[in-house]
Protein backbone atom coordinates (compact mmCIF):
# COMPACT_ATOMS: atom_id res chain seq x y z
CA MET A 1 83.62 -265.47 -174.35
CA ARG A 2 79.46 -263.47 -173.62
CA PHE A 3 81.71 -261.23 -170.91
CA TYR A 4 84.52 -260.72 -174.13
CA PHE A 5 81.27 -259.92 -176.53
CA THR A 6 79.61 -258.14 -173.57
CA VAL A 7 82.79 -255.47 -173.46
CA HIS A 8 83.21 -255.00 -176.82
CA LYS A 9 79.46 -254.25 -177.57
CA ASN A 10 79.81 -252.21 -174.60
CA LEU A 11 82.93 -250.85 -176.62
CA ILE A 12 81.87 -250.91 -180.11
CA ALA A 13 78.46 -248.28 -178.73
CA LEU A 14 80.73 -246.12 -176.44
CA ILE A 15 82.79 -245.47 -180.06
CA ILE A 16 79.82 -244.43 -182.13
CA GLY A 17 78.76 -242.54 -179.54
CA ILE A 18 81.72 -240.27 -179.37
CA CYS A 19 81.53 -240.48 -183.14
CA LEU A 20 77.89 -238.71 -183.24
CA TRP A 21 78.99 -236.31 -180.57
CA ALA A 22 81.99 -235.27 -182.43
CA ASN A 23 80.40 -234.93 -185.70
CA PRO A 24 78.28 -231.96 -186.14
CA VAL A 25 75.67 -233.58 -188.37
CA PHE A 26 74.78 -234.78 -184.82
CA ALA A 27 75.88 -231.92 -182.69
CA GLU A 28 73.45 -229.30 -181.16
CA LYS A 29 71.40 -227.93 -183.75
CA THR A 30 71.80 -225.09 -185.49
CA SER A 31 69.45 -222.36 -185.17
CA HIS A 32 69.17 -219.52 -187.95
CA ILE A 33 68.71 -216.46 -187.11
CA LEU A 34 66.98 -213.81 -189.65
CA ILE A 35 67.94 -210.05 -189.34
CA ILE A 36 66.43 -207.32 -190.72
CA ALA A 37 66.38 -203.52 -190.64
CA THR A 38 65.02 -200.69 -192.16
CA SER A 39 68.32 -199.27 -192.95
CA ASN A 40 72.27 -199.16 -192.20
CA ASP A 41 72.44 -196.42 -189.99
CA ALA A 42 75.33 -196.49 -187.13
CA PRO A 43 73.02 -197.02 -184.90
CA LEU A 44 71.61 -200.09 -186.14
CA GLN A 45 74.70 -201.67 -187.28
CA GLU A 46 76.07 -201.38 -183.45
CA ALA A 47 72.99 -203.07 -182.26
CA ILE A 48 73.45 -205.50 -185.02
CA ASN A 49 76.92 -206.50 -183.95
CA GLY A 50 76.67 -206.45 -180.88
CA PHE A 51 72.83 -208.69 -180.90
CA LYS A 52 75.66 -210.95 -183.07
CA GLN A 53 78.30 -211.19 -180.54
CA GLN A 54 76.21 -212.15 -177.69
CA VAL A 55 74.42 -214.87 -179.46
CA SER A 56 77.07 -216.29 -181.22
CA ALA A 57 78.98 -217.23 -177.56
CA ARG A 58 76.17 -220.43 -177.75
CA GLY A 59 77.72 -221.09 -180.68
CA ASN A 60 75.69 -222.72 -183.44
CA ILE A 61 74.31 -219.88 -184.91
CA LYS A 62 73.94 -218.60 -188.32
CA PHE A 63 72.77 -215.23 -189.34
CA THR A 64 71.39 -213.73 -192.77
CA GLU A 65 71.15 -210.33 -193.23
CA MET A 66 68.41 -208.25 -195.39
CA LEU A 67 67.94 -204.54 -195.22
CA LEU A 68 64.01 -203.78 -195.15
CA SER A 69 64.61 -201.77 -199.05
CA GLN A 70 66.13 -205.22 -200.65
CA VAL A 71 62.74 -207.34 -199.49
CA HIS A 72 60.55 -207.78 -203.01
CA ALA A 73 57.01 -209.46 -202.38
CA PRO A 74 55.79 -211.89 -201.95
CA ALA A 75 57.79 -212.13 -198.66
CA VAL A 76 56.65 -214.64 -197.30
CA LYS A 77 58.06 -216.94 -199.53
CA GLN A 78 61.49 -215.31 -198.88
CA ILE A 79 60.82 -215.86 -195.07
CA ASP A 80 59.78 -219.87 -196.15
CA SER A 81 62.98 -220.26 -198.62
CA ILE A 82 65.41 -218.82 -195.28
CA LYS A 83 63.52 -221.14 -193.32
CA PRO A 84 64.96 -218.97 -190.07
CA ASP A 85 64.81 -220.54 -186.09
CA LEU A 86 64.13 -216.63 -185.12
CA ILE A 87 63.84 -213.32 -186.77
CA TYR A 88 65.54 -209.74 -185.39
CA ALA A 89 63.90 -206.87 -186.57
CA LEU A 90 64.94 -203.11 -185.95
CA GLY A 91 62.74 -200.63 -186.70
CA VAL A 92 59.42 -199.51 -186.35
CA ASP A 93 59.06 -200.64 -189.99
CA ALA A 94 61.07 -203.96 -189.98
CA ALA A 95 58.87 -204.97 -186.87
CA LYS A 96 56.23 -204.45 -188.05
CA TRP A 97 57.10 -205.82 -191.58
CA ALA A 98 57.46 -209.17 -189.34
CA SER A 99 54.92 -209.60 -187.89
CA LEU A 100 53.21 -209.22 -190.78
CA GLN A 101 54.55 -211.94 -192.34
CA THR A 102 54.77 -215.06 -189.72
CA SER A 103 52.52 -216.18 -187.30
CA SER A 104 54.59 -218.71 -185.86
CA ILE A 105 58.11 -217.20 -186.06
CA PRO A 106 59.63 -215.59 -182.92
CA ILE A 107 59.94 -212.23 -183.25
CA VAL A 108 62.31 -210.20 -180.82
CA ALA A 109 62.39 -206.36 -182.52
CA THR A 110 64.49 -203.52 -180.65
CA MET A 111 65.26 -199.47 -182.06
CA VAL A 112 61.53 -198.55 -181.67
CA LEU A 113 59.77 -195.97 -179.19
CA LYS A 114 56.71 -197.35 -178.64
CA GLU A 115 55.91 -200.28 -177.14
CA ASP A 116 52.35 -201.04 -179.19
CA VAL A 117 54.93 -202.21 -181.60
CA PHE A 118 55.14 -205.92 -179.39
CA ARG A 119 51.03 -205.90 -179.00
CA GLN A 120 50.37 -206.36 -183.32
CA ALA A 121 51.14 -209.85 -182.50
CA PRO A 122 51.54 -212.86 -180.26
CA ASN A 123 55.02 -213.36 -181.68
CA ILE A 124 56.80 -210.57 -180.64
CA THR A 125 59.39 -209.33 -178.08
CA GLY A 126 61.77 -207.14 -177.54
CA ILE A 127 63.16 -204.17 -176.26
CA SER A 128 61.63 -200.29 -177.01
CA LEU A 129 63.23 -197.33 -176.87
CA GLY A 130 61.47 -196.20 -174.53
CA TYR A 131 62.30 -195.52 -171.16
CA SER A 132 59.87 -196.32 -167.91
CA LEU A 133 58.06 -192.88 -166.59
CA GLN A 134 59.52 -193.74 -163.54
CA THR A 135 63.25 -193.47 -164.98
CA GLN A 136 62.24 -190.87 -166.65
CA PHE A 137 61.20 -188.91 -163.38
CA GLN A 138 64.11 -190.42 -161.38
CA TRP A 139 66.16 -188.51 -164.01
CA LEU A 140 64.64 -184.99 -164.03
CA LYS A 141 65.15 -185.66 -160.23
CA LYS A 142 69.03 -185.63 -160.87
CA PHE A 143 69.29 -181.97 -163.03
CA PHE A 144 65.94 -180.37 -161.14
CA PRO A 145 66.45 -181.23 -157.38
CA GLN A 146 64.86 -178.46 -157.12
CA GLN A 147 62.28 -177.91 -159.33
CA LYS A 148 58.42 -179.71 -159.05
CA THR A 149 56.50 -178.06 -161.42
CA VAL A 150 56.82 -180.29 -165.13
CA ALA A 151 54.52 -180.04 -168.23
CA VAL A 152 53.77 -182.44 -170.67
CA LEU A 153 52.04 -181.48 -173.76
CA PHE A 154 50.12 -184.58 -175.20
CA ASN A 155 47.41 -185.32 -177.76
CA PRO A 156 44.64 -187.42 -175.22
CA ALA A 157 43.65 -189.23 -178.08
CA GLU A 158 46.97 -190.61 -178.08
CA ASN A 159 48.63 -190.48 -174.93
CA ALA A 160 45.50 -190.08 -171.73
CA ALA A 161 46.58 -193.71 -170.29
CA THR A 162 50.27 -192.60 -170.19
CA VAL A 163 49.85 -189.04 -169.13
CA LEU A 164 47.37 -190.60 -165.84
CA GLU A 165 50.86 -192.40 -165.62
CA ALA A 166 53.73 -189.70 -165.81
CA GLN A 167 50.86 -187.85 -162.85
CA LYS A 168 51.64 -190.93 -160.84
CA ALA A 169 55.45 -191.14 -161.40
CA GLY A 170 55.63 -187.49 -161.20
CA LEU A 171 54.45 -186.93 -157.56
CA GLN A 172 56.36 -190.11 -156.23
CA ASN A 173 59.00 -188.41 -157.16
CA GLY A 174 58.24 -185.06 -155.82
CA PHE A 175 57.17 -183.47 -159.33
CA ASN A 176 53.44 -181.78 -159.99
CA LEU A 177 52.62 -182.83 -163.65
CA VAL A 178 50.63 -179.91 -165.57
CA ALA A 179 48.95 -182.58 -168.75
CA ILE A 180 48.53 -179.61 -171.35
CA PRO A 181 46.00 -181.17 -173.96
CA VAL A 182 46.37 -180.42 -178.14
CA GLU A 183 43.80 -182.45 -180.34
CA SER A 184 45.93 -181.24 -183.16
CA PRO A 185 48.68 -179.32 -184.43
CA LYS A 186 46.95 -176.00 -184.47
CA GLN A 187 46.00 -175.76 -181.00
CA LEU A 188 49.92 -176.03 -180.94
CA PRO A 189 50.22 -172.53 -180.68
CA PHE A 190 47.80 -171.96 -177.77
CA ALA A 191 48.86 -175.10 -175.26
CA LEU A 192 52.98 -173.86 -175.93
CA GLU A 193 51.50 -170.24 -174.63
CA GLN A 194 51.15 -171.80 -170.91
CA LEU A 195 54.76 -172.46 -170.75
CA ALA A 196 54.99 -168.23 -169.19
CA ASN A 197 52.38 -169.85 -166.92
CA ASN A 198 55.34 -170.81 -163.89
CA ILE A 199 56.03 -174.13 -166.22
CA GLU A 200 59.66 -174.86 -164.91
CA ILE A 201 60.06 -177.79 -166.98
CA LEU A 202 59.39 -179.48 -170.69
CA LEU A 203 59.00 -183.17 -171.17
CA ALA A 204 58.59 -184.77 -173.80
CA ILE A 205 57.00 -188.26 -174.74
CA PRO A 206 56.19 -189.81 -177.88
CA ASP A 207 53.18 -188.34 -179.70
CA GLU A 208 52.62 -188.43 -183.31
CA THR A 209 50.33 -184.77 -182.70
CA VAL A 210 52.99 -182.98 -180.57
CA MET A 211 56.20 -183.87 -181.48
CA SER A 212 56.98 -184.87 -185.04
CA VAL A 213 59.31 -183.30 -187.38
CA ASN A 214 56.34 -180.86 -188.33
CA THR A 215 56.51 -179.53 -184.83
CA ALA A 216 59.97 -179.84 -183.42
CA LYS A 217 61.48 -176.42 -184.62
CA GLU A 218 57.69 -174.19 -182.74
CA VAL A 219 58.13 -176.50 -179.54
CA LEU A 220 61.81 -175.72 -179.19
CA LEU A 221 61.38 -172.35 -180.43
CA ALA A 222 58.48 -171.75 -177.32
CA SER A 223 60.96 -173.37 -174.58
CA PHE A 224 63.68 -171.28 -175.79
CA ARG A 225 61.87 -168.20 -175.61
CA ASN A 226 60.57 -169.01 -172.15
CA LYS A 227 63.54 -170.24 -170.66
CA VAL A 228 61.50 -173.33 -170.14
CA PRO A 229 64.01 -175.87 -170.24
CA PHE A 230 63.02 -179.77 -172.76
CA ILE A 231 63.86 -182.97 -172.08
CA GLY A 232 64.02 -183.96 -175.77
CA LEU A 233 63.15 -187.57 -176.86
CA SER A 234 66.68 -187.98 -178.45
CA ASP A 235 70.08 -186.79 -179.67
CA ASN A 236 68.96 -184.87 -182.58
CA TRP A 237 66.49 -183.78 -180.24
CA VAL A 238 69.65 -182.20 -177.93
CA LYS A 239 70.84 -180.94 -180.78
CA SER A 240 68.55 -178.93 -182.02
CA GLY A 241 67.70 -177.52 -178.73
CA ALA A 242 66.49 -179.55 -176.15
CA PHE A 243 68.33 -179.41 -172.93
CA TYR A 244 68.76 -182.33 -172.38
CA ALA A 245 67.15 -186.51 -173.40
CA LEU A 246 67.76 -189.47 -172.11
CA SER A 247 69.82 -192.00 -174.66
CA TRP A 248 70.75 -195.72 -175.40
CA ASP A 249 73.78 -197.73 -175.41
CA TYR A 250 72.91 -199.71 -179.15
CA ALA A 251 75.82 -202.26 -178.67
CA ASP A 252 74.00 -203.11 -175.08
CA LEU A 253 70.46 -202.87 -176.34
CA GLY A 254 71.93 -205.62 -179.54
CA GLN A 255 72.54 -207.48 -176.48
CA GLN A 256 70.02 -207.14 -174.09
CA SER A 257 68.00 -208.06 -176.84
CA ALA A 258 69.84 -211.22 -177.35
CA GLU A 259 69.66 -212.77 -173.88
CA LEU A 260 65.66 -212.76 -175.70
CA ALA A 261 66.47 -214.61 -178.37
CA LEU A 262 68.75 -216.99 -176.67
CA LYS A 263 65.60 -217.75 -174.20
CA ILE A 264 63.28 -218.43 -176.79
CA LEU A 265 65.92 -221.10 -178.82
CA ASN A 266 66.28 -222.29 -175.33
CA GLY A 267 62.56 -223.53 -175.54
CA ALA A 268 61.34 -220.54 -173.78
CA SER A 269 57.92 -219.39 -175.09
CA ILE A 270 57.49 -216.09 -176.60
CA LYS A 271 54.18 -215.18 -174.36
CA THR A 272 56.23 -215.49 -171.50
CA ILE A 273 58.74 -213.16 -172.38
CA SER A 274 57.33 -209.71 -171.75
CA PRO A 275 58.90 -207.03 -173.58
CA GLU A 276 61.87 -204.70 -171.85
CA HIS A 277 62.83 -201.24 -171.51
CA PRO A 278 66.78 -200.04 -171.75
CA ARG A 279 69.03 -201.78 -169.31
CA LYS A 280 71.68 -199.12 -169.81
CA VAL A 281 70.73 -195.34 -169.09
CA THR A 282 72.73 -193.09 -170.90
CA TYR A 283 71.74 -189.21 -171.52
CA THR A 284 72.96 -186.60 -173.99
CA ILE A 285 73.21 -182.79 -172.73
CA ASN A 286 73.03 -179.31 -174.54
CA ALA A 287 75.37 -176.99 -172.63
CA LYS A 288 74.94 -173.92 -174.78
CA ILE A 289 71.26 -174.24 -173.78
CA ALA A 290 71.77 -174.75 -170.50
CA GLU A 291 73.83 -171.27 -170.62
CA HIS A 292 70.99 -169.04 -172.35
CA MET A 293 69.56 -171.04 -169.80
CA LYS A 294 71.23 -170.23 -166.66
CA MET A 295 71.25 -173.51 -165.36
CA ASP A 296 74.22 -174.99 -163.18
CA ILE A 297 74.83 -178.71 -164.79
CA PRO A 298 76.44 -180.36 -162.12
CA GLU A 299 80.69 -181.63 -163.45
CA ALA A 300 79.02 -185.43 -162.47
CA LEU A 301 76.70 -185.45 -164.99
CA LEU A 302 78.31 -183.32 -167.21
CA LYS A 303 81.42 -185.74 -166.70
CA ASN A 304 79.46 -188.96 -167.32
CA ALA A 305 77.22 -187.58 -170.33
CA LYS A 306 77.16 -190.11 -173.85
CA MET A 307 77.25 -186.64 -176.25
CA VAL A 308 77.32 -182.43 -174.88
CA PHE A 309 76.56 -180.31 -177.11
CA ASN A 310 78.53 -176.84 -177.09
């Protein structure tokens, strides 16, 4: 009788356990992710789709999507009502907004060009759009195996440390870096005159003083006139007259962001997850500029380009 009672009790416990496991109420907790983007432009949507596809493979994920323009004050109350376990922010303004609204909810950000956004709060990490300087110079070597002299225009107040790092990366890849300081837009014309002094390549780095909407035409025109190929910051720079620029696979940016998010959702502390550079390198080429400057582009580079402007 005691044996029967014990077996019967164990059987009931087993049945209850199976039922609890099968019941979604008692299954693995559903994680809620707030996705906030600065716009609904196609690149951001590609990144969002890549992110959702990768994260959804884990199961038990709920998404809430918002545009920054849809955010109404007070923003903190909106986050409190949504109660996300994680925020995926796309674009620098969305990342800054998220970091200002919460110090406890982990934030994974991407579609930001400069890494300083990741230093604004201890609860943010992600994937910047900026490639490492080592990667930049490795690709310079592929496009320019014979050239050695590379110039960089920069504001010392913003990019002194970056230029020192670029000089080291340049030497490691066989390039001599000529750093041309530009402390204000008024100094830009004089700085651009130096392109005539045996400069073979002009490499852009993110710099609010030198590389902006207001200075783009002046920089591109100087590159064109002096026949010094300009390595731009994005596809739009290439379309406007830069020779080439490293670009991005936006869906893969989303998937790479998702991998960081999954680590956090699985229990890792965001403080242990460092920001990353894009892992997949793509690039665009302006063949018309190459023709004007009488440059030969290896067939393999043309074939594998994300886009070629003719």
